[in-house]
N, C-alpha and C. Protein backbone atom coordinates (compact mmCIF):
# COMPACT_ATOMS: atom_id res chain seq x y z
N UNK A 1 299.63 15.24 73.46
CA UNK A 1 299.27 14.47 72.26
C UNK A 1 298.51 15.37 71.31
N UNK A 2 298.88 15.38 70.02
CA UNK A 2 298.21 16.21 69.04
C UNK A 2 296.85 15.61 68.70
N UNK A 3 295.91 16.47 68.34
CA UNK A 3 294.55 16.05 68.04
C UNK A 3 294.34 16.09 66.54
N UNK A 4 293.80 15.03 65.98
CA UNK A 4 293.55 14.95 64.54
C UNK A 4 292.56 16.03 64.13
N UNK A 5 292.83 16.64 62.96
CA UNK A 5 291.98 17.75 62.52
C UNK A 5 290.57 17.29 62.19
N UNK A 6 290.38 15.97 61.95
CA UNK A 6 289.05 15.47 61.61
C UNK A 6 288.16 15.29 62.83
N UNK A 7 288.73 15.42 64.04
CA UNK A 7 287.93 15.27 65.24
C UNK A 7 286.91 16.41 65.32
N UNK A 8 285.75 16.16 65.93
CA UNK A 8 284.79 17.25 66.17
C UNK A 8 285.43 18.28 67.11
N UNK A 9 284.90 19.48 67.15
CA UNK A 9 285.48 20.55 67.98
C UNK A 9 285.23 20.30 69.47
N UNK A 10 285.98 19.36 70.03
CA UNK A 10 285.78 19.03 71.45
C UNK A 10 286.02 20.24 72.35
N UNK A 11 287.10 20.94 72.05
CA UNK A 11 287.46 22.07 72.92
C UNK A 11 286.36 23.11 72.95
N UNK A 12 285.84 23.46 71.77
CA UNK A 12 284.81 24.50 71.75
C UNK A 12 283.54 24.03 72.45
N UNK A 13 283.23 22.73 72.36
CA UNK A 13 282.03 22.21 73.01
C UNK A 13 282.16 22.30 74.53
N UNK A 14 283.31 21.87 75.05
CA UNK A 14 283.51 21.92 76.50
C UNK A 14 283.63 23.35 76.99
N UNK A 15 284.28 24.20 76.19
CA UNK A 15 284.39 25.61 76.57
C UNK A 15 283.00 26.25 76.65
N UNK A 16 282.16 25.94 75.68
CA UNK A 16 280.79 26.48 75.67
C UNK A 16 280.02 26.01 76.89
N UNK A 17 280.16 24.71 77.24
CA UNK A 17 279.47 24.19 78.42
C UNK A 17 280.01 24.83 79.71
N UNK A 18 281.34 25.04 79.72
CA UNK A 18 281.93 25.68 80.89
C UNK A 18 281.40 27.07 81.12
N UNK A 19 281.22 27.82 80.00
CA UNK A 19 280.67 29.17 80.11
C UNK A 19 279.22 29.12 80.60
N UNK A 20 278.46 28.15 80.12
CA UNK A 20 277.08 27.99 80.57
C UNK A 20 277.01 27.70 82.07
N UNK A 21 278.01 26.98 82.57
CA UNK A 21 278.05 26.65 84.01
C UNK A 21 278.61 27.79 84.85
N UNK A 22 279.06 28.87 84.22
CA UNK A 22 279.53 30.04 84.96
C UNK A 22 281.02 30.16 85.11
N UNK A 23 281.80 29.36 84.37
CA UNK A 23 283.24 29.49 84.46
C UNK A 23 283.70 30.79 83.81
N UNK A 24 284.70 31.47 84.39
CA UNK A 24 285.28 32.64 83.72
C UNK A 24 285.86 32.25 82.36
N UNK A 25 286.06 33.23 81.50
CA UNK A 25 286.49 32.96 80.12
C UNK A 25 287.78 32.15 80.06
N UNK A 26 288.78 32.54 80.83
CA UNK A 26 290.08 31.86 80.78
C UNK A 26 289.94 30.42 81.26
N UNK A 27 289.20 30.23 82.35
CA UNK A 27 289.02 28.88 82.90
C UNK A 27 288.18 28.02 81.94
N UNK A 28 287.18 28.62 81.29
CA UNK A 28 286.37 27.86 80.33
C UNK A 28 287.24 27.40 79.16
N UNK A 29 288.15 28.27 78.75
CA UNK A 29 289.06 27.90 77.67
C UNK A 29 289.99 26.75 78.10
N UNK A 30 290.48 26.82 79.35
CA UNK A 30 291.31 25.73 79.87
C UNK A 30 290.52 24.43 79.94
N UNK A 31 289.27 24.54 80.34
CA UNK A 31 288.41 23.35 80.41
C UNK A 31 288.28 22.72 79.02
N UNK A 32 288.09 23.57 78.01
CA UNK A 32 287.98 23.05 76.65
C UNK A 32 289.24 22.36 76.19
N UNK A 33 290.39 22.97 76.49
CA UNK A 33 291.67 22.38 76.09
C UNK A 33 291.89 21.05 76.80
N UNK A 34 291.54 20.98 78.09
CA UNK A 34 291.69 19.74 78.84
C UNK A 34 290.78 18.64 78.28
N UNK A 35 289.56 19.04 77.90
CA UNK A 35 288.62 18.05 77.36
C UNK A 35 289.12 17.50 76.02
N UNK A 36 289.67 18.38 75.21
CA UNK A 36 290.19 17.93 73.92
C UNK A 36 291.35 16.97 74.12
N UNK A 37 292.24 17.26 75.06
CA UNK A 37 293.35 16.35 75.34
C UNK A 37 292.85 15.03 75.91
N UNK A 38 291.80 15.13 76.73
CA UNK A 38 291.22 13.92 77.33
C UNK A 38 290.63 13.00 76.24
N UNK A 39 289.89 13.60 75.32
CA UNK A 39 289.28 12.80 74.25
C UNK A 39 290.35 12.21 73.35
N UNK A 40 291.38 12.97 73.05
CA UNK A 40 292.44 12.49 72.17
C UNK A 40 293.14 11.27 72.75
N UNK A 41 293.15 11.15 74.08
CA UNK A 41 293.83 10.02 74.72
C UNK A 41 292.92 8.80 74.83
N UNK A 42 291.65 8.92 74.48
CA UNK A 42 290.72 7.80 74.62
C UNK A 42 290.94 6.77 73.50
N UNK A 43 290.68 5.51 73.79
CA UNK A 43 290.70 4.51 72.71
C UNK A 43 289.54 4.78 71.74
N UNK A 44 289.66 4.24 70.55
CA UNK A 44 288.71 4.57 69.48
C UNK A 44 287.24 4.31 69.84
N UNK A 45 286.89 3.18 70.48
CA UNK A 45 285.46 2.96 70.80
C UNK A 45 284.89 4.05 71.70
N UNK A 46 285.65 4.45 72.71
CA UNK A 46 285.16 5.48 73.63
C UNK A 46 285.12 6.85 72.95
N UNK A 47 286.11 7.10 72.10
CA UNK A 47 286.12 8.36 71.38
C UNK A 47 284.90 8.47 70.46
N UNK A 48 284.55 7.31 69.85
CA UNK A 48 283.37 7.31 68.97
C UNK A 48 282.10 7.62 69.77
N UNK A 49 282.04 7.13 71.01
CA UNK A 49 280.88 7.41 71.87
C UNK A 49 280.82 8.92 72.16
N UNK A 50 281.99 9.52 72.48
CA UNK A 50 282.01 10.96 72.76
C UNK A 50 281.56 11.75 71.54
N UNK A 51 282.02 11.34 70.36
CA UNK A 51 281.64 12.03 69.14
C UNK A 51 280.12 11.95 68.92
N UNK A 52 279.55 10.79 69.26
CA UNK A 52 278.11 10.62 69.06
C UNK A 52 277.29 11.37 70.09
N UNK A 53 277.85 11.63 71.26
CA UNK A 53 277.13 12.31 72.34
C UNK A 53 277.98 13.49 72.85
N UNK A 54 278.42 14.31 71.93
CA UNK A 54 279.41 15.34 72.25
C UNK A 54 278.91 16.33 73.31
N UNK A 55 277.72 16.87 73.12
CA UNK A 55 277.22 17.87 74.08
C UNK A 55 277.07 17.29 75.47
N UNK A 56 276.52 16.06 75.53
CA UNK A 56 276.34 15.41 76.83
C UNK A 56 277.69 15.17 77.51
N UNK A 57 278.67 14.62 76.77
CA UNK A 57 279.99 14.33 77.35
C UNK A 57 280.73 15.61 77.72
N UNK A 58 280.59 16.62 76.85
CA UNK A 58 281.24 17.90 77.15
C UNK A 58 280.64 18.52 78.41
N UNK A 59 279.34 18.40 78.57
CA UNK A 59 278.67 18.95 79.75
C UNK A 59 279.13 18.22 81.02
N UNK A 60 279.17 16.88 80.96
CA UNK A 60 279.62 16.10 82.12
C UNK A 60 281.06 16.47 82.48
N UNK A 61 281.90 16.58 81.46
CA UNK A 61 283.30 16.91 81.71
C UNK A 61 283.42 18.31 82.32
N UNK A 62 282.66 19.25 81.78
CA UNK A 62 282.70 20.62 82.30
C UNK A 62 282.21 20.67 83.75
N UNK A 63 281.19 19.87 84.07
CA UNK A 63 280.71 19.82 85.47
C UNK A 63 281.81 19.33 86.41
N UNK A 64 282.49 18.26 86.01
CA UNK A 64 283.58 17.73 86.84
C UNK A 64 284.72 18.73 86.93
N UNK A 65 285.00 19.39 85.82
CA UNK A 65 286.08 20.39 85.80
C UNK A 65 285.73 21.54 86.74
N UNK A 66 284.46 21.95 86.73
CA UNK A 66 284.01 23.04 87.60
C UNK A 66 284.14 22.66 89.06
N UNK A 67 283.76 21.43 89.41
CA UNK A 67 283.89 20.98 90.80
C UNK A 67 285.35 21.01 91.24
N UNK A 68 286.23 20.54 90.36
CA UNK A 68 287.66 20.55 90.68
C UNK A 68 288.18 21.98 90.83
N UNK A 69 287.69 22.85 89.94
CA UNK A 69 288.10 24.26 89.98
C UNK A 69 287.66 24.93 91.29
N UNK A 70 286.41 24.70 91.67
CA UNK A 70 285.88 25.28 92.91
C UNK A 70 286.65 24.75 94.11
N UNK A 71 286.92 23.44 94.13
CA UNK A 71 287.66 22.86 95.24
C UNK A 71 289.06 23.47 95.34
N UNK A 72 289.71 23.61 94.19
CA UNK A 72 291.06 24.19 94.17
C UNK A 72 291.01 25.66 94.61
N UNK A 73 289.98 26.38 94.14
CA UNK A 73 289.85 27.80 94.51
C UNK A 73 289.66 27.95 96.01
N UNK A 74 288.82 27.08 96.59
CA UNK A 74 288.59 27.15 98.04
C UNK A 74 289.85 26.83 98.82
N UNK A 75 290.62 25.86 98.34
CA UNK A 75 291.87 25.52 99.01
C UNK A 75 292.84 26.68 98.97
N UNK A 76 292.93 27.33 97.80
CA UNK A 76 293.82 28.49 97.67
C UNK A 76 293.35 29.63 98.57
N UNK A 77 292.04 29.82 98.64
CA UNK A 77 291.51 30.88 99.48
C UNK A 77 291.79 30.61 100.95
N UNK A 78 291.57 29.35 101.37
CA UNK A 78 291.88 29.00 102.77
C UNK A 78 293.35 29.20 103.07
N UNK A 79 294.21 28.81 102.12
CA UNK A 79 295.65 28.97 102.32
C UNK A 79 296.02 30.45 102.41
N UNK A 80 295.39 31.28 101.55
CA UNK A 80 295.66 32.72 101.58
C UNK A 80 295.20 33.33 102.90
N UNK A 81 294.00 32.93 103.36
CA UNK A 81 293.47 33.44 104.63
C UNK A 81 294.36 33.00 105.79
N UNK A 82 294.83 31.75 105.73
CA UNK A 82 295.71 31.26 106.80
C UNK A 82 297.01 32.04 106.81
N UNK A 83 297.53 32.37 105.62
CA UNK A 83 298.77 33.14 105.54
C UNK A 83 298.59 34.54 106.10
N UNK A 84 297.46 35.18 105.73
CA UNK A 84 297.19 36.52 106.24
C UNK A 84 297.04 36.50 107.76
N UNK A 85 296.29 35.50 108.25
CA UNK A 85 296.10 35.37 109.70
C UNK A 85 297.43 35.16 110.41
N UNK A 86 298.28 34.33 109.81
CA UNK A 86 299.59 34.06 110.40
C UNK A 86 300.45 35.32 110.43
N UNK A 87 300.37 36.10 109.36
CA UNK A 87 301.14 37.34 109.31
C UNK A 87 300.64 38.34 110.34
N UNK A 88 299.30 38.42 110.50
CA UNK A 88 298.74 39.32 111.50
C UNK A 88 299.14 38.90 112.91
N UNK A 89 299.06 37.58 113.16
CA UNK A 89 299.44 37.07 114.48
C UNK A 89 300.92 37.33 114.74
N UNK A 90 301.74 37.13 113.71
CA UNK A 90 303.18 37.38 113.86
C UNK A 90 303.44 38.84 114.15
N UNK A 91 302.69 39.73 113.46
CA UNK A 91 302.85 41.16 113.71
C UNK A 91 302.46 41.53 115.12
N UNK A 92 301.33 40.95 115.59
CA UNK A 92 300.91 41.22 116.97
C UNK A 92 301.92 40.68 117.97
N UNK A 93 302.48 39.49 117.66
CA UNK A 93 303.45 38.88 118.56
C UNK A 93 304.71 39.73 118.64
N UNK A 94 305.17 40.25 117.50
CA UNK A 94 306.36 41.10 117.50
C UNK A 94 306.10 42.36 118.31
N UNK A 95 304.89 42.92 118.14
CA UNK A 95 304.54 44.13 118.90
C UNK A 95 304.52 43.84 120.40
N UNK A 96 303.97 42.68 120.78
CA UNK A 96 303.93 42.30 122.20
C UNK A 96 305.34 42.13 122.75
N UNK A 97 306.19 41.46 121.98
CA UNK A 97 307.56 41.24 122.44
C UNK A 97 308.32 42.55 122.60
N UNK A 98 308.09 43.48 121.67
CA UNK A 98 308.76 44.79 121.78
C UNK A 98 308.28 45.53 123.02
N UNK A 99 306.96 45.45 123.28
CA UNK A 99 306.41 46.10 124.47
C UNK A 99 306.95 45.46 125.75
N UNK A 100 307.03 44.12 125.73
CA UNK A 100 307.56 43.42 126.90
C UNK A 100 309.03 43.75 127.12
N UNK A 101 309.79 43.85 126.02
CA UNK A 101 311.21 44.18 126.13
C UNK A 101 311.40 45.57 126.73
N UNK A 102 310.57 46.52 126.27
CA UNK A 102 310.64 47.88 126.79
C UNK A 102 310.28 47.89 128.27
N UNK A 103 309.24 47.15 128.65
CA UNK A 103 308.84 47.09 130.05
C UNK A 103 309.94 46.49 130.91
N UNK A 104 310.57 45.43 130.41
CA UNK A 104 311.62 44.77 131.18
C UNK A 104 312.85 45.66 131.36
N UNK A 105 313.16 46.44 130.34
CA UNK A 105 314.28 47.36 130.46
C UNK A 105 314.02 48.39 131.55
N UNK A 106 312.79 48.88 131.60
CA UNK A 106 312.43 49.86 132.63
C UNK A 106 312.48 49.23 134.03
N UNK A 107 311.96 48.00 134.13
CA UNK A 107 311.99 47.31 135.42
C UNK A 107 313.43 47.05 135.84
N UNK A 108 314.27 46.67 134.89
CA UNK A 108 315.67 46.39 135.21
C UNK A 108 316.36 47.63 135.75
N UNK A 109 316.09 48.78 135.13
CA UNK A 109 316.69 50.03 135.63
C UNK A 109 316.18 50.36 137.02
N UNK A 110 314.88 50.11 137.26
CA UNK A 110 314.31 50.39 138.59
C UNK A 110 314.91 49.47 139.64
N UNK A 111 315.12 48.21 139.30
CA UNK A 111 315.71 47.27 140.25
C UNK A 111 317.14 47.65 140.59
N UNK A 112 317.80 48.30 139.66
CA UNK A 112 319.18 48.71 139.92
C UNK A 112 319.30 49.75 141.02
N UNK A 113 318.18 50.41 141.34
CA UNK A 113 318.19 51.41 142.41
C UNK A 113 318.20 50.73 143.78
N UNK A 114 317.67 49.53 143.87
CA UNK A 114 317.57 48.83 145.16
C UNK A 114 318.92 48.27 145.59
N UNK A 115 319.07 48.15 146.91
CA UNK A 115 320.25 47.48 147.45
C UNK A 115 320.12 45.97 147.25
N UNK A 116 321.22 45.28 147.39
CA UNK A 116 321.22 43.83 147.18
C UNK A 116 320.23 43.14 148.10
N UNK A 117 320.16 43.55 149.36
CA UNK A 117 319.23 42.93 150.30
C UNK A 117 317.79 43.17 149.89
N UNK A 118 317.51 44.39 149.41
CA UNK A 118 316.15 44.70 148.99
C UNK A 118 315.76 43.92 147.74
N UNK A 119 316.71 43.74 146.83
CA UNK A 119 316.42 42.94 145.65
C UNK A 119 316.12 41.50 146.04
N UNK A 120 316.83 41.00 147.03
CA UNK A 120 316.61 39.63 147.50
C UNK A 120 315.21 39.49 148.10
N UNK A 121 314.79 40.48 148.86
CA UNK A 121 313.46 40.44 149.47
C UNK A 121 312.37 40.57 148.41
N UNK A 122 312.60 41.45 147.43
CA UNK A 122 311.63 41.61 146.34
C UNK A 122 311.47 40.29 145.59
N UNK A 123 312.59 39.64 145.32
CA UNK A 123 312.53 38.37 144.59
C UNK A 123 311.78 37.31 145.42
N UNK A 124 312.10 37.23 146.70
CA UNK A 124 311.48 36.21 147.55
C UNK A 124 309.99 36.43 147.69
N UNK A 125 309.59 37.69 147.93
CA UNK A 125 308.18 37.96 148.23
C UNK A 125 307.34 38.11 146.97
N UNK A 126 307.78 38.93 145.99
CA UNK A 126 306.98 39.19 144.81
C UNK A 126 307.07 38.09 143.77
N UNK A 127 308.26 37.52 143.62
CA UNK A 127 308.46 36.54 142.55
C UNK A 127 308.20 35.13 143.04
N UNK A 128 308.90 34.72 144.10
CA UNK A 128 308.72 33.36 144.62
C UNK A 128 307.43 33.20 145.40
N UNK A 129 306.84 34.34 145.81
CA UNK A 129 305.59 34.27 146.55
C UNK A 129 305.76 33.79 147.98
N UNK A 130 306.96 33.92 148.52
CA UNK A 130 307.21 33.47 149.89
C UNK A 130 306.54 34.43 150.88
N UNK A 131 306.02 33.86 151.97
CA UNK A 131 305.39 34.69 153.00
C UNK A 131 306.47 35.29 153.89
N UNK A 132 306.06 36.29 154.68
CA UNK A 132 307.02 36.89 155.61
C UNK A 132 307.57 35.83 156.56
N UNK A 133 306.71 34.93 157.00
CA UNK A 133 307.14 33.88 157.93
C UNK A 133 308.19 32.98 157.28
N UNK A 134 307.98 32.61 156.04
CA UNK A 134 308.93 31.74 155.34
C UNK A 134 310.27 32.42 155.15
N UNK A 135 310.23 33.72 154.81
CA UNK A 135 311.48 34.46 154.65
C UNK A 135 312.20 34.60 155.98
N UNK A 136 311.41 34.85 157.05
CA UNK A 136 311.99 35.00 158.38
C UNK A 136 312.68 33.71 158.81
N UNK A 137 312.06 32.57 158.57
CA UNK A 137 312.67 31.28 158.92
C UNK A 137 313.95 31.05 158.13
N UNK A 138 313.94 31.42 156.87
CA UNK A 138 315.11 31.20 156.03
C UNK A 138 316.27 32.10 156.43
N UNK A 139 315.97 33.33 156.84
CA UNK A 139 317.03 34.29 157.14
C UNK A 139 317.32 34.40 158.64
N UNK A 140 316.54 33.72 159.47
CA UNK A 140 316.79 33.77 160.90
C UNK A 140 316.45 35.11 161.51
N UNK A 141 315.38 35.72 161.03
CA UNK A 141 314.96 37.03 161.55
C UNK A 141 313.52 36.91 162.02
N UNK A 142 313.07 37.94 162.74
CA UNK A 142 311.69 37.93 163.19
C UNK A 142 310.76 38.26 162.02
N UNK A 143 309.52 37.79 162.15
CA UNK A 143 308.54 38.03 161.09
C UNK A 143 308.27 39.52 160.94
N UNK A 144 308.22 40.22 162.07
CA UNK A 144 307.94 41.66 162.02
C UNK A 144 309.07 42.41 161.31
N UNK A 145 310.32 42.01 161.59
CA UNK A 145 311.45 42.67 160.94
C UNK A 145 311.43 42.42 159.43
N UNK A 146 311.09 41.19 159.05
CA UNK A 146 311.03 40.87 157.62
C UNK A 146 309.89 41.63 156.95
N UNK A 147 308.75 41.72 157.63
CA UNK A 147 307.61 42.44 157.06
C UNK A 147 307.97 43.90 156.79
N UNK A 148 308.59 44.56 157.75
CA UNK A 148 308.97 45.97 157.58
C UNK A 148 310.01 46.13 156.47
N UNK A 149 310.96 45.19 156.42
CA UNK A 149 312.01 45.27 155.40
C UNK A 149 311.40 45.07 154.00
N UNK A 150 310.46 44.14 153.89
CA UNK A 150 309.80 43.91 152.60
C UNK A 150 308.98 45.12 152.18
N UNK A 151 308.29 45.72 153.12
CA UNK A 151 307.48 46.89 152.80
C UNK A 151 308.35 48.05 152.35
N UNK A 152 309.51 48.23 153.01
CA UNK A 152 310.42 49.30 152.59
C UNK A 152 310.97 49.01 151.19
N UNK A 153 311.33 47.76 150.94
CA UNK A 153 311.86 47.38 149.63
C UNK A 153 310.81 47.58 148.54
N UNK A 154 309.58 47.19 148.85
CA UNK A 154 308.50 47.34 147.87
C UNK A 154 308.21 48.81 147.61
N UNK A 155 308.21 49.63 148.67
CA UNK A 155 307.96 51.06 148.50
C UNK A 155 309.06 51.70 147.65
N UNK A 156 310.29 51.32 147.90
CA UNK A 156 311.40 51.88 147.12
C UNK A 156 311.31 51.43 145.66
N UNK A 157 310.95 50.16 145.46
CA UNK A 157 310.80 49.66 144.10
C UNK A 157 309.66 50.38 143.39
N UNK A 158 308.57 50.62 144.09
CA UNK A 158 307.43 51.30 143.49
C UNK A 158 307.82 52.71 143.04
N UNK A 159 308.59 53.41 143.90
CA UNK A 159 309.05 54.76 143.54
C UNK A 159 309.97 54.73 142.33
N UNK A 160 310.87 53.76 142.31
CA UNK A 160 311.80 53.64 141.18
C UNK A 160 311.05 53.31 139.89
N UNK A 161 310.02 52.46 140.00
CA UNK A 161 309.23 52.12 138.81
C UNK A 161 308.43 53.32 138.32
N UNK A 162 307.89 54.09 139.23
CA UNK A 162 307.14 55.29 138.84
C UNK A 162 308.04 56.26 138.08
N UNK A 163 309.28 56.36 138.51
CA UNK A 163 310.22 57.23 137.81
C UNK A 163 310.48 56.75 136.38
N UNK A 164 310.27 55.46 136.16
CA UNK A 164 310.45 54.87 134.82
C UNK A 164 309.13 54.82 134.05
N UNK A 165 308.07 55.37 134.63
CA UNK A 165 306.78 55.34 133.95
C UNK A 165 306.09 53.99 134.03
N UNK A 166 306.40 53.23 135.07
CA UNK A 166 305.84 51.89 135.24
C UNK A 166 305.12 51.82 136.58
N UNK A 167 303.98 51.13 136.59
CA UNK A 167 303.25 50.99 137.84
C UNK A 167 303.34 49.57 138.36
N UNK A 168 303.44 49.45 139.67
CA UNK A 168 303.39 48.17 140.36
C UNK A 168 302.12 48.16 141.18
N UNK A 169 301.18 47.33 140.82
CA UNK A 169 299.89 47.31 141.50
C UNK A 169 299.63 45.93 142.10
N UNK A 170 298.74 45.92 143.07
CA UNK A 170 298.36 44.67 143.73
C UNK A 170 296.86 44.51 143.64
N UNK A 171 296.40 43.36 143.20
CA UNK A 171 294.97 43.10 143.07
C UNK A 171 294.37 42.77 144.42
N UNK A 172 293.03 42.71 144.46
CA UNK A 172 292.36 42.37 145.71
C UNK A 172 292.72 40.96 146.17
N UNK A 173 293.07 40.12 145.22
CA UNK A 173 293.44 38.75 145.58
C UNK A 173 294.88 38.61 146.02
N UNK A 174 295.59 39.75 146.09
CA UNK A 174 296.97 39.72 146.56
C UNK A 174 298.00 39.49 145.46
N UNK A 175 297.54 39.46 144.20
CA UNK A 175 298.46 39.25 143.08
C UNK A 175 299.02 40.59 142.63
N UNK A 176 300.31 40.60 142.30
CA UNK A 176 300.95 41.81 141.78
C UNK A 176 300.98 41.77 140.26
N UNK A 177 300.98 42.95 139.66
CA UNK A 177 301.25 43.04 138.23
C UNK A 177 301.99 44.34 137.95
N UNK A 178 302.72 44.32 136.85
CA UNK A 178 303.53 45.47 136.43
C UNK A 178 303.11 45.85 135.02
N UNK A 179 302.94 47.14 134.76
CA UNK A 179 302.56 47.60 133.43
C UNK A 179 303.06 49.02 133.23
N UNK A 180 303.26 49.40 131.97
CA UNK A 180 303.64 50.77 131.64
C UNK A 180 302.42 51.66 131.83
N UNK A 181 302.62 52.84 132.41
CA UNK A 181 301.52 53.78 132.61
C UNK A 181 300.87 54.13 131.27
N UNK A 182 299.57 54.26 131.30
CA UNK A 182 298.85 54.64 130.08
C UNK A 182 298.36 53.48 129.26
N UNK A 183 298.47 52.27 129.79
CA UNK A 183 297.96 51.11 129.06
C UNK A 183 299.06 50.12 128.75
N UNK A 184 298.74 49.12 127.97
CA UNK A 184 299.70 48.09 127.62
C UNK A 184 299.43 46.81 128.39
N UNK A 185 300.19 45.80 128.04
CA UNK A 185 300.00 44.49 128.67
C UNK A 185 300.43 44.52 130.13
N UNK A 186 299.65 43.86 130.97
CA UNK A 186 300.00 43.74 132.38
C UNK A 186 300.68 42.40 132.60
N UNK A 187 301.86 42.43 133.18
CA UNK A 187 302.62 41.21 133.39
C UNK A 187 302.87 41.00 134.88
N UNK A 188 302.82 39.76 135.29
CA UNK A 188 303.16 39.43 136.67
C UNK A 188 304.66 39.59 136.85
N UNK A 189 305.10 40.04 138.02
CA UNK A 189 306.54 40.22 138.25
C UNK A 189 307.34 38.96 137.96
N UNK A 190 306.78 37.79 138.32
CA UNK A 190 307.56 36.57 138.10
C UNK A 190 307.80 36.30 136.63
N UNK A 191 306.85 36.71 135.78
CA UNK A 191 307.05 36.51 134.34
C UNK A 191 308.16 37.41 133.84
N UNK A 192 308.17 38.65 134.28
CA UNK A 192 309.21 39.57 133.85
C UNK A 192 310.57 39.11 134.36
N UNK A 193 310.66 38.86 135.66
CA UNK A 193 311.94 38.54 136.26
C UNK A 193 312.49 37.21 135.74
N UNK A 194 311.64 36.23 135.66
CA UNK A 194 312.12 34.89 135.30
C UNK A 194 312.43 34.78 133.81
N UNK A 195 311.58 35.34 132.96
CA UNK A 195 311.75 35.15 131.53
C UNK A 195 312.76 36.12 130.92
N UNK A 196 312.89 37.29 131.49
CA UNK A 196 313.71 38.30 130.84
C UNK A 196 314.97 38.68 131.63
N UNK A 197 314.79 38.96 132.90
CA UNK A 197 315.95 39.38 133.68
C UNK A 197 316.82 38.20 134.05
N UNK A 198 316.17 37.12 134.54
CA UNK A 198 316.86 35.90 134.97
C UNK A 198 317.77 36.19 136.17
N UNK A 199 318.02 35.15 136.94
CA UNK A 199 318.88 35.30 138.10
C UNK A 199 320.31 35.66 137.71
N UNK A 200 320.70 35.25 136.51
CA UNK A 200 322.07 35.53 136.06
C UNK A 200 322.32 37.01 135.88
N UNK A 201 321.26 37.82 135.76
CA UNK A 201 321.44 39.25 135.55
C UNK A 201 321.84 39.96 136.83
N UNK A 202 321.79 39.27 137.97
CA UNK A 202 322.18 39.89 139.23
C UNK A 202 320.99 40.41 140.01
N UNK A 203 319.78 40.17 139.54
CA UNK A 203 318.62 40.66 140.24
C UNK A 203 317.83 39.54 140.88
N UNK A 204 318.41 38.37 140.98
CA UNK A 204 317.72 37.26 141.60
C UNK A 204 317.96 37.23 143.09
N UNK A 205 317.57 36.15 143.71
CA UNK A 205 317.81 36.00 145.13
C UNK A 205 319.24 35.63 145.33
N UNK A 206 319.99 36.48 145.97
CA UNK A 206 321.41 36.25 146.17
C UNK A 206 321.62 35.50 147.48
N UNK A 207 322.20 34.35 147.38
CA UNK A 207 322.36 33.52 148.57
C UNK A 207 323.82 33.56 149.04
């Protein structure tokens, strides 16, 4: 809506108040333009009141405009920070996935060195967490025979992993983990085998 030329300088009054409140020059100018449009849309009685109390009305309007500006600025800042955080998290996630993929490729090559029976024992003991007794009952063998077979399979797997630059370690609590030598994420064998290799790859428990 166009503003009559006889109106008092609403825009300059609100712009001046905006500058007094600390608004940057461009924002203070926008505040003035908004105030002028606001006054132009008022019915005549209210417009007459603004004209009679211009500085007071311009100051009140500039205060409200500043609050809205600060709220909008904070929202934009939060959105920008959230976007940056999301990008950083995505970058870290991509890096983790690449590292995990590299680790799984090395483990897959190491598993290829084992015989089918040894892969079955590795899967049962390291991945499924089956005890020697449970494996012995399932396969109809003695516990001692299963224990020795599992130890041989684990030793061969450890050697094959070392050749790939990967370590297979066991914690004091009996938990295994696999990691690339020199650092990197430590993954439990079941996470690697189940999430990446899968039984369909031929490295699962063959029945």
